[in-house]
Structures are given as structure tokens and as C-alpha cells.
Amino acid sequence: MIGYNEYVTQLNVIYHSGQLQDVSNCEFVKMLPGGDALEARFKYISTPECNINTSVYSLEVLIQYDTTFQEPQLAFRLWQWDHNVYKLYYELENTPLQTQLPPWFVVNIDLISNEPWYIVGVCDTPEVVGSSALDQEHYMERWMAVYLLHWIHLLPCK
């Protein structure tokens, strides 16, 4: 659990650190108006080994604050390149994304601002993000490593 003000401060530190921008398949990272949500997009390519035709996808990620659980929330959606335009893609099955998501992720689809997103259920236990004062000081760094960075770089991008 992290308080809203501390979450905003730490999220801005991560944004300005370039940590997400340094991921090799990152297309963009931006802080949304209000400074309490971050959006990023990562490009990846599925190949015939993934049981579907070669396709180009863009994974849009949204990190925002869940006031009920007082924790960050990871949401994402998948876009597929189709005839010179990205179209929202609703199927995770048979994409590299499905196989790269951590098996302990509980993923549901819900609306954010009246648009469909996959939402990863939050469960920030002390075992996941730590419980000491130092852990709290770096809560968002640990959360980002656990919930995003450890699997996002595994997506094929060439």
C-alpha cells in the first residue's frame, strides 16, 4: 500500500529517470494531465512460432492509482497493425503477450474512461514490494520491476 501523494511523487521520479524510455521496444512514455497516471507504448512482433501469422502489435500500458486499494494499477490493451493503421485487438490468446505475462497475473477486462482495457489485479503484499521504510521509499521502483519491467522486455521486437 502507498499513499496517493507518495505514489505521485515516486511515479514522477520514475518518469523523469527514463527507466521506461530505455526499454528497447518502447515507442513512447508520457505523463498524463494531472501527473498521477503514466501511459507507455511498446512495439512487438509476433512470428509464426507463436501459432499465428507474423503481425506487428503495440502494447499500450496505463499505470494509475487505485484509490480503493491504495495501490498502483496496471492496465493494458493490445493494438494490431492492419493496413497502415493500428486497430484495437481484443484477443490475448496465441500472441506472445499471453505467454510472457506472469502466471500469477489475474487479468480482467473493464472500462477506463469508457474504453476497454485489460486490468491486472493488484496484490501488493509485503513479499512483493517489501515492508521496511526503505522499501516504501522505493515502492514504485519495486512495483514497476515486478508488474512491468521483468516481462515487457521479453516480448519479441524484431
N, C-alpha and C. Protein backbone atom coordinates (compact mmCIF):
# COMPACT_ATOMS: atom_id res chain seq x y z
N MET A 1 0.84 -1.17 0.00
CA MET A 1 0.00 0.00 0.00
C MET A 1 0.89 1.24 0.00
N ILE A 2 0.45 2.25 -0.75
CA ILE A 2 1.19 3.51 -0.84
C ILE A 2 0.18 4.65 -0.87
N GLY A 3 0.45 5.70 -0.13
CA GLY A 3 -0.43 6.86 -0.14
C GLY A 3 -0.40 7.55 -1.49
N TYR A 4 -1.48 8.24 -1.82
CA TYR A 4 -1.61 8.89 -3.13
C TYR A 4 -0.48 9.88 -3.39
N ASN A 5 -0.18 10.77 -2.45
CA ASN A 5 0.85 11.79 -2.67
C ASN A 5 2.22 11.16 -2.90
N GLU A 6 2.54 10.13 -2.12
CA GLU A 6 3.83 9.44 -2.29
C GLU A 6 3.87 8.71 -3.63
N TYR A 7 2.74 8.11 -4.02
CA TYR A 7 2.64 7.46 -5.33
C TYR A 7 2.94 8.46 -6.45
N VAL A 8 2.31 9.63 -6.41
CA VAL A 8 2.50 10.64 -7.46
C VAL A 8 3.97 11.07 -7.50
N THR A 9 4.56 11.32 -6.35
CA THR A 9 5.97 11.73 -6.29
C THR A 9 6.86 10.66 -6.91
N GLN A 10 6.67 9.41 -6.50
CA GLN A 10 7.53 8.34 -7.00
C GLN A 10 7.28 8.04 -8.48
N LEU A 11 6.04 8.13 -8.93
CA LEU A 11 5.74 7.91 -10.34
C LEU A 11 6.45 8.95 -11.20
N ASN A 12 6.45 10.20 -10.75
CA ASN A 12 7.14 11.26 -11.49
C ASN A 12 8.65 11.04 -11.51
N VAL A 13 9.20 10.54 -10.43
CA VAL A 13 10.64 10.23 -10.39
C VAL A 13 10.96 9.16 -11.44
N ILE A 14 10.13 8.12 -11.50
CA ILE A 14 10.34 7.06 -12.49
C ILE A 14 10.22 7.62 -13.91
N TYR A 15 9.22 8.42 -14.14
CA TYR A 15 9.02 9.01 -15.47
C TYR A 15 10.26 9.81 -15.90
N HIS A 16 10.76 10.65 -15.02
CA HIS A 16 11.89 11.52 -15.36
C HIS A 16 13.22 10.77 -15.38
N SER A 17 13.26 9.57 -14.79
CA SER A 17 14.50 8.79 -14.78
C SER A 17 14.81 8.18 -16.14
N GLY A 18 13.79 8.04 -16.99
CA GLY A 18 13.99 7.42 -18.30
C GLY A 18 13.99 5.90 -18.25
N GLN A 19 13.65 5.33 -17.12
CA GLN A 19 13.68 3.87 -16.95
C GLN A 19 12.81 3.16 -17.98
N LEU A 20 11.61 3.63 -18.19
CA LEU A 20 10.73 3.01 -19.19
C LEU A 20 11.17 3.36 -20.61
N GLN A 21 11.59 4.58 -20.81
CA GLN A 21 12.02 5.01 -22.13
C GLN A 21 13.23 4.20 -22.62
N ASP A 22 14.00 3.64 -21.69
CA ASP A 22 15.19 2.87 -22.05
C ASP A 22 14.89 1.43 -22.47
N VAL A 23 13.66 0.97 -22.30
CA VAL A 23 13.31 -0.38 -22.75
C VAL A 23 13.39 -0.38 -24.27
N SER A 24 14.05 -1.37 -24.84
CA SER A 24 14.40 -1.34 -26.27
C SER A 24 13.20 -1.21 -27.21
N ASN A 25 12.06 -1.77 -26.84
CA ASN A 25 10.90 -1.72 -27.74
C ASN A 25 9.90 -0.62 -27.36
N CYS A 26 10.33 0.33 -26.55
CA CYS A 26 9.46 1.43 -26.12
C CYS A 26 9.24 2.41 -27.27
N GLU A 27 7.99 2.68 -27.57
CA GLU A 27 7.65 3.68 -28.60
C GLU A 27 7.50 5.06 -27.99
N PHE A 28 6.84 5.15 -26.83
CA PHE A 28 6.74 6.42 -26.13
C PHE A 28 6.31 6.20 -24.69
N VAL A 29 6.59 7.20 -23.87
CA VAL A 29 6.14 7.25 -22.49
C VAL A 29 5.69 8.68 -22.25
N LYS A 30 4.51 8.83 -21.65
CA LYS A 30 4.08 10.19 -21.33
C LYS A 30 3.31 10.19 -20.01
N MET A 31 3.48 11.29 -19.29
CA MET A 31 2.73 11.52 -18.07
C MET A 31 1.42 12.16 -18.49
N LEU A 32 0.32 11.65 -17.99
CA LEU A 32 -0.98 12.19 -18.36
C LEU A 32 -1.29 13.46 -17.55
N PRO A 33 -2.18 14.31 -18.05
CA PRO A 33 -2.52 15.54 -17.32
C PRO A 33 -2.91 15.21 -15.87
N GLY A 34 -2.42 16.01 -14.98
CA GLY A 34 -2.66 15.77 -13.56
C GLY A 34 -1.46 15.13 -12.89
N GLY A 35 -0.60 14.49 -13.69
CA GLY A 35 0.64 13.92 -13.17
C GLY A 35 0.48 12.69 -12.30
N ASP A 36 -0.72 12.06 -12.33
CA ASP A 36 -0.90 10.89 -11.47
C ASP A 36 -1.15 9.60 -12.25
N ALA A 37 -0.92 9.64 -13.56
CA ALA A 37 -1.06 8.45 -14.40
C ALA A 37 -0.04 8.54 -15.52
N LEU A 38 0.47 7.39 -15.89
CA LEU A 38 1.50 7.32 -16.89
C LEU A 38 1.07 6.35 -17.99
N GLU A 39 1.29 6.73 -19.23
CA GLU A 39 0.96 5.89 -20.37
C GLU A 39 2.24 5.60 -21.15
N ALA A 40 2.37 4.37 -21.61
CA ALA A 40 3.53 3.98 -22.41
C ALA A 40 3.07 3.02 -23.50
N ARG A 41 3.86 2.94 -24.55
CA ARG A 41 3.54 2.01 -25.63
C ARG A 41 4.80 1.28 -26.03
N PHE A 42 4.66 -0.04 -26.20
CA PHE A 42 5.76 -0.91 -26.56
C PHE A 42 5.40 -1.69 -27.81
N LYS A 43 6.29 -1.73 -28.78
CA LYS A 43 6.04 -2.43 -30.04
C LYS A 43 6.60 -3.84 -29.94
N TYR A 44 5.87 -4.79 -30.49
CA TYR A 44 6.42 -6.13 -30.62
C TYR A 44 5.84 -6.83 -31.83
N ILE A 45 6.54 -7.87 -32.25
CA ILE A 45 6.18 -8.60 -33.46
C ILE A 45 5.93 -10.05 -33.11
N SER A 46 4.80 -10.57 -33.53
CA SER A 46 4.56 -12.00 -33.37
C SER A 46 5.06 -12.69 -34.62
N THR A 47 5.51 -13.89 -34.46
CA THR A 47 6.05 -14.65 -35.58
C THR A 47 5.29 -15.96 -35.71
N PRO A 48 5.48 -16.69 -36.81
CA PRO A 48 4.77 -17.97 -36.97
C PRO A 48 4.97 -18.95 -35.83
N GLU A 49 6.09 -18.86 -35.10
CA GLU A 49 6.28 -19.74 -33.94
C GLU A 49 5.20 -19.51 -32.89
N CYS A 50 4.56 -18.37 -32.92
CA CYS A 50 3.51 -18.03 -31.96
C CYS A 50 2.15 -18.57 -32.41
N ASN A 51 2.14 -19.40 -33.44
CA ASN A 51 0.93 -20.05 -33.95
C ASN A 51 0.00 -19.12 -34.71
N ILE A 52 0.47 -17.96 -35.09
CA ILE A 52 -0.32 -17.07 -35.94
C ILE A 52 0.61 -16.45 -36.97
N ASN A 53 0.05 -15.81 -37.94
CA ASN A 53 0.87 -15.14 -38.94
C ASN A 53 1.68 -14.03 -38.30
N THR A 54 2.76 -13.67 -38.96
CA THR A 54 3.57 -12.57 -38.45
C THR A 54 2.72 -11.30 -38.41
N SER A 55 2.70 -10.67 -37.26
CA SER A 55 1.91 -9.45 -37.07
C SER A 55 2.69 -8.48 -36.22
N VAL A 56 2.40 -7.21 -36.42
CA VAL A 56 3.01 -6.17 -35.60
C VAL A 56 1.95 -5.69 -34.62
N TYR A 57 2.33 -5.65 -33.35
CA TYR A 57 1.43 -5.21 -32.29
C TYR A 57 2.04 -4.03 -31.55
N SER A 58 1.20 -3.32 -30.90
CA SER A 58 1.62 -2.27 -30.00
C SER A 58 0.89 -2.51 -28.68
N LEU A 59 1.65 -2.60 -27.62
CA LEU A 59 1.10 -2.81 -26.29
C LEU A 59 1.03 -1.47 -25.58
N GLU A 60 -0.17 -1.01 -25.32
CA GLU A 60 -0.38 0.25 -24.62
C GLU A 60 -0.55 -0.06 -23.14
N VAL A 61 0.20 0.62 -22.31
CA VAL A 61 0.20 0.39 -20.87
C VAL A 61 -0.24 1.66 -20.16
N LEU A 62 -1.07 1.49 -19.15
CA LEU A 62 -1.53 2.60 -18.32
C LEU A 62 -1.27 2.26 -16.87
N ILE A 63 -0.59 3.14 -16.18
CA ILE A 63 -0.35 2.98 -14.74
C ILE A 63 -1.09 4.11 -14.05
N GLN A 64 -2.01 3.75 -13.18
CA GLN A 64 -2.79 4.76 -12.45
C GLN A 64 -2.96 4.30 -11.01
N TYR A 65 -3.54 5.15 -10.21
CA TYR A 65 -3.70 4.87 -8.78
C TYR A 65 -5.09 4.33 -8.50
N ASP A 66 -5.15 3.22 -7.79
CA ASP A 66 -6.42 2.63 -7.36
C ASP A 66 -6.71 3.13 -5.94
N THR A 67 -7.67 4.03 -5.82
CA THR A 67 -7.96 4.65 -4.52
C THR A 67 -8.56 3.66 -3.52
N THR A 68 -9.25 2.64 -4.01
CA THR A 68 -9.85 1.66 -3.11
C THR A 68 -8.77 0.86 -2.39
N PHE A 69 -7.82 0.35 -3.15
CA PHE A 69 -6.77 -0.49 -2.57
C PHE A 69 -5.52 0.29 -2.20
N GLN A 70 -5.47 1.57 -2.55
CA GLN A 70 -4.33 2.44 -2.31
C GLN A 70 -3.05 1.83 -2.86
N GLU A 71 -3.14 1.41 -4.12
CA GLU A 71 -2.02 0.79 -4.81
C GLU A 71 -2.03 1.22 -6.27
N PRO A 72 -0.88 1.12 -6.93
CA PRO A 72 -0.87 1.37 -8.37
C PRO A 72 -1.65 0.27 -9.08
N GLN A 73 -2.18 0.60 -10.23
CA GLN A 73 -2.93 -0.37 -11.02
C GLN A 73 -2.34 -0.38 -12.43
N LEU A 74 -2.09 -1.59 -12.94
CA LEU A 74 -1.58 -1.76 -14.29
C LEU A 74 -2.74 -2.15 -15.21
N ALA A 75 -2.92 -1.39 -16.26
CA ALA A 75 -3.91 -1.70 -17.28
C ALA A 75 -3.17 -1.72 -18.61
N PHE A 76 -3.67 -2.53 -19.54
CA PHE A 76 -3.04 -2.56 -20.86
C PHE A 76 -4.07 -2.93 -21.90
N ARG A 77 -3.74 -2.60 -23.13
CA ARG A 77 -4.53 -3.05 -24.26
C ARG A 77 -3.59 -3.26 -25.44
N LEU A 78 -4.06 -4.05 -26.35
CA LEU A 78 -3.25 -4.51 -27.46
C LEU A 78 -3.79 -3.92 -28.76
N TRP A 79 -2.89 -3.38 -29.57
CA TRP A 79 -3.25 -2.83 -30.87
C TRP A 79 -2.53 -3.65 -31.93
N GLN A 80 -3.20 -3.97 -33.02
CA GLN A 80 -2.58 -4.71 -34.11
C GLN A 80 -2.50 -3.82 -35.35
N TRP A 81 -1.32 -3.83 -35.98
CA TRP A 81 -1.11 -3.06 -37.20
C TRP A 81 -1.86 -3.75 -38.33
N ASP A 82 -2.77 -3.02 -38.98
CA ASP A 82 -3.58 -3.61 -40.03
C ASP A 82 -3.83 -2.56 -41.11
N HIS A 83 -3.26 -2.77 -42.27
CA HIS A 83 -3.45 -1.86 -43.41
C HIS A 83 -3.13 -0.41 -43.05
N ASN A 84 -1.95 -0.20 -42.55
CA ASN A 84 -1.42 1.14 -42.24
C ASN A 84 -2.10 1.86 -41.09
N VAL A 85 -2.78 1.13 -40.23
CA VAL A 85 -3.39 1.74 -39.05
C VAL A 85 -3.42 0.70 -37.92
N TYR A 86 -3.27 1.17 -36.70
CA TYR A 86 -3.41 0.28 -35.54
C TYR A 86 -4.88 0.15 -35.18
N LYS A 87 -5.33 -1.09 -34.98
CA LYS A 87 -6.71 -1.36 -34.55
C LYS A 87 -6.68 -2.09 -33.22
N LEU A 88 -7.62 -1.74 -32.37
CA LEU A 88 -7.69 -2.39 -31.07
C LEU A 88 -7.91 -3.88 -31.26
N TYR A 89 -7.12 -4.67 -30.56
CA TYR A 89 -7.14 -6.13 -30.69
C TYR A 89 -7.54 -6.71 -29.34
N TYR A 90 -8.59 -7.49 -29.31
CA TYR A 90 -9.15 -7.94 -28.03
C TYR A 90 -8.70 -9.33 -27.59
N GLU A 91 -8.02 -10.06 -28.44
CA GLU A 91 -7.65 -11.43 -28.10
C GLU A 91 -6.21 -11.50 -27.62
N LEU A 92 -5.99 -12.10 -26.46
CA LEU A 92 -4.64 -12.32 -25.98
C LEU A 92 -4.13 -13.69 -26.38
N GLU A 93 -5.05 -14.62 -26.64
CA GLU A 93 -4.67 -15.98 -26.96
C GLU A 93 -3.81 -16.01 -28.21
N ASN A 94 -2.82 -16.87 -28.19
CA ASN A 94 -1.92 -17.09 -29.32
C ASN A 94 -1.12 -15.85 -29.72
N THR A 95 -0.87 -14.98 -28.78
CA THR A 95 0.03 -13.86 -29.02
C THR A 95 1.21 -14.02 -28.07
N PRO A 96 2.34 -13.44 -28.40
CA PRO A 96 3.48 -13.51 -27.47
C PRO A 96 3.13 -12.91 -26.11
N LEU A 97 2.23 -11.97 -26.09
CA LEU A 97 1.85 -11.35 -24.82
C LEU A 97 1.29 -12.36 -23.85
N GLN A 98 0.45 -13.26 -24.33
CA GLN A 98 -0.15 -14.26 -23.45
C GLN A 98 0.91 -15.11 -22.77
N THR A 99 1.92 -15.51 -23.50
CA THR A 99 2.94 -16.38 -22.93
C THR A 99 3.95 -15.64 -22.08
N GLN A 100 4.05 -14.33 -22.22
CA GLN A 100 5.02 -13.56 -21.45
C GLN A 100 4.46 -12.98 -20.16
N LEU A 101 3.14 -12.88 -20.06
CA LEU A 101 2.56 -12.37 -18.82
C LEU A 101 2.86 -13.32 -17.68
N PRO A 102 3.21 -12.80 -16.52
CA PRO A 102 3.48 -13.69 -15.39
C PRO A 102 2.26 -14.56 -15.08
N PRO A 103 2.48 -15.83 -14.74
CA PRO A 103 1.35 -16.74 -14.50
C PRO A 103 0.48 -16.33 -13.30
N TRP A 104 1.03 -15.53 -12.40
CA TRP A 104 0.25 -15.12 -11.23
C TRP A 104 -0.60 -13.88 -11.49
N PHE A 105 -0.49 -13.29 -12.69
CA PHE A 105 -1.36 -12.16 -13.03
C PHE A 105 -2.80 -12.63 -13.13
N VAL A 106 -3.70 -11.90 -12.50
CA VAL A 106 -5.13 -12.11 -12.67
C VAL A 106 -5.59 -10.95 -13.56
N VAL A 107 -6.01 -11.29 -14.78
CA VAL A 107 -6.33 -10.26 -15.77
C VAL A 107 -7.82 -10.31 -16.09
N ASN A 108 -8.46 -9.15 -15.99
CA ASN A 108 -9.87 -9.00 -16.36
C ASN A 108 -9.99 -7.84 -17.33
N ILE A 109 -11.08 -7.79 -18.06
CA ILE A 109 -11.31 -6.66 -18.95
C ILE A 109 -12.35 -5.75 -18.30
N ASP A 110 -12.11 -4.44 -18.37
CA ASP A 110 -13.01 -3.47 -17.77
C ASP A 110 -12.90 -2.17 -18.57
N LEU A 111 -13.74 -1.23 -18.24
CA LEU A 111 -13.73 0.07 -18.91
C LEU A 111 -12.97 1.10 -18.09
N ILE A 112 -12.14 1.85 -18.77
CA ILE A 112 -11.49 3.02 -18.18
C ILE A 112 -11.82 4.17 -19.13
N SER A 113 -12.47 5.18 -18.61
CA SER A 113 -12.93 6.31 -19.44
C SER A 113 -13.74 5.80 -20.64
N ASN A 114 -14.60 4.83 -20.38
CA ASN A 114 -15.50 4.24 -21.37
C ASN A 114 -14.78 3.51 -22.50
N GLU A 115 -13.55 3.09 -22.28
CA GLU A 115 -12.79 2.33 -23.26
C GLU A 115 -12.33 1.03 -22.62
N PRO A 116 -12.33 -0.08 -23.40
CA PRO A 116 -11.94 -1.38 -22.83
C PRO A 116 -10.44 -1.49 -22.59
N TRP A 117 -10.09 -1.98 -21.42
CA TRP A 117 -8.70 -2.23 -21.03
C TRP A 117 -8.63 -3.55 -20.31
N TYR A 118 -7.50 -4.24 -20.42
CA TYR A 118 -7.21 -5.37 -19.55
C TYR A 118 -6.64 -4.79 -18.26
N ILE A 119 -7.18 -5.23 -17.14
CA ILE A 119 -6.74 -4.75 -15.83
C ILE A 119 -6.07 -5.90 -15.09
N VAL A 120 -4.88 -5.66 -14.59
CA VAL A 120 -4.17 -6.65 -13.79
C VAL A 120 -4.58 -6.44 -12.34
N GLY A 121 -5.10 -7.50 -11.72
CA GLY A 121 -5.49 -7.41 -10.30
C GLY A 121 -4.29 -7.08 -9.44
N VAL A 122 -4.47 -6.15 -8.53
CA VAL A 122 -3.37 -5.72 -7.67
C VAL A 122 -3.34 -6.57 -6.41
N CYS A 123 -2.15 -6.83 -5.94
CA CYS A 123 -1.98 -7.59 -4.71
C CYS A 123 -0.59 -7.29 -4.18
N ASP A 124 -0.41 -6.09 -3.71
CA ASP A 124 0.91 -5.66 -3.23
C ASP A 124 1.12 -6.09 -1.78
N THR A 125 1.54 -7.32 -1.62
CA THR A 125 1.85 -7.83 -0.28
C THR A 125 3.26 -7.41 0.09
N PRO A 126 3.60 -7.45 1.37
CA PRO A 126 4.98 -7.13 1.75
C PRO A 126 6.01 -8.02 1.04
N GLU A 127 5.62 -9.25 0.70
CA GLU A 127 6.53 -10.14 -0.02
C GLU A 127 6.82 -9.62 -1.43
N VAL A 128 5.87 -8.89 -2.00
CA VAL A 128 6.03 -8.38 -3.37
C VAL A 128 6.81 -7.07 -3.38
N VAL A 129 6.43 -6.13 -2.57
CA VAL A 129 7.05 -4.80 -2.62
C VAL A 129 7.82 -4.42 -1.37
N GLY A 130 7.83 -5.29 -0.36
CA GLY A 130 8.57 -5.02 0.86
C GLY A 130 7.76 -4.25 1.88
N SER A 131 8.27 -4.20 3.09
CA SER A 131 7.52 -3.53 4.16
C SER A 131 8.37 -2.57 4.99
N SER A 132 9.67 -2.50 4.75
CA SER A 132 10.50 -1.60 5.54
C SER A 132 10.35 -0.16 5.05
N ALA A 133 10.88 0.77 5.83
CA ALA A 133 10.82 2.18 5.44
C ALA A 133 11.57 2.39 4.12
N LEU A 134 12.69 1.69 3.93
CA LEU A 134 13.44 1.81 2.68
C LEU A 134 12.62 1.27 1.51
N ASP A 135 11.89 0.17 1.75
CA ASP A 135 11.03 -0.38 0.70
C ASP A 135 9.96 0.64 0.30
N GLN A 136 9.39 1.33 1.27
CA GLN A 136 8.36 2.33 0.97
C GLN A 136 8.94 3.50 0.18
N GLU A 137 10.17 3.85 0.51
CA GLU A 137 10.83 4.95 -0.19
C GLU A 137 11.03 4.63 -1.68
N HIS A 138 11.16 3.34 -2.00
CA HIS A 138 11.37 2.90 -3.38
C HIS A 138 10.24 1.99 -3.85
N TYR A 139 9.07 2.20 -3.30
CA TYR A 139 7.91 1.35 -3.58
C TYR A 139 7.62 1.25 -5.07
N MET A 140 7.54 2.37 -5.76
CA MET A 140 7.18 2.37 -7.18
C MET A 140 8.27 1.73 -8.05
N GLU A 141 9.52 1.87 -7.68
CA GLU A 141 10.59 1.18 -8.42
C GLU A 141 10.40 -0.33 -8.33
N ARG A 142 10.12 -0.83 -7.13
CA ARG A 142 9.92 -2.26 -6.95
C ARG A 142 8.64 -2.70 -7.65
N TRP A 143 7.58 -1.92 -7.52
CA TRP A 143 6.33 -2.27 -8.17
C TRP A 143 6.52 -2.35 -9.68
N MET A 144 7.21 -1.37 -10.25
CA MET A 144 7.45 -1.33 -11.69
C MET A 144 8.25 -2.56 -12.13
N ALA A 145 9.24 -2.94 -11.34
CA ALA A 145 10.05 -4.11 -11.67
C ALA A 145 9.20 -5.38 -11.66
N VAL A 146 8.35 -5.52 -10.66
CA VAL A 146 7.54 -6.73 -10.52
C VAL A 146 6.41 -6.78 -11.53
N TYR A 147 5.70 -5.67 -11.69
CA TYR A 147 4.48 -5.67 -12.50
C TYR A 147 4.70 -5.36 -13.98
N LEU A 148 5.85 -4.83 -14.36
CA LEU A 148 6.02 -4.46 -15.77
C LEU A 148 7.38 -4.81 -16.35
N LEU A 149 8.45 -4.35 -15.75
CA LEU A 149 9.76 -4.44 -16.39
C LEU A 149 10.28 -5.85 -16.53
N HIS A 150 9.93 -6.75 -15.63
CA HIS A 150 10.51 -8.10 -15.70
C HIS A 150 9.94 -8.93 -16.84
N TRP A 151 8.83 -8.53 -17.44
CA TRP A 151 8.29 -9.30 -18.58
C TRP A 151 8.20 -8.50 -19.87
N ILE A 152 8.15 -7.19 -19.80
CA ILE A 152 7.94 -6.39 -21.02
C ILE A 152 9.11 -6.52 -21.99
N HIS A 153 10.32 -6.67 -21.46
CA HIS A 153 11.48 -6.78 -22.35
C HIS A 153 11.59 -8.15 -23.01
N LEU A 154 10.77 -9.11 -22.61
CA LEU A 154 10.79 -10.44 -23.20
C LEU A 154 9.97 -10.53 -24.49
N LEU A 155 9.17 -9.52 -24.76
CA LEU A 155 8.36 -9.53 -25.99
C LEU A 155 9.26 -9.38 -27.21
N PRO A 156 9.04 -10.20 -28.24
CA PRO A 156 9.89 -10.09 -29.43
C PRO A 156 9.65 -8.76 -30.14
N CYS A 157 10.72 -8.05 -30.42
CA CYS A 157 10.54 -6.73 -31.05
C CYS A 157 11.27 -6.62 -32.37
N LYS A 158 11.75 -7.71 -32.90
CA LYS A 158 12.44 -7.66 -34.21
C LYS A 158 11.96 -8.79 -35.06
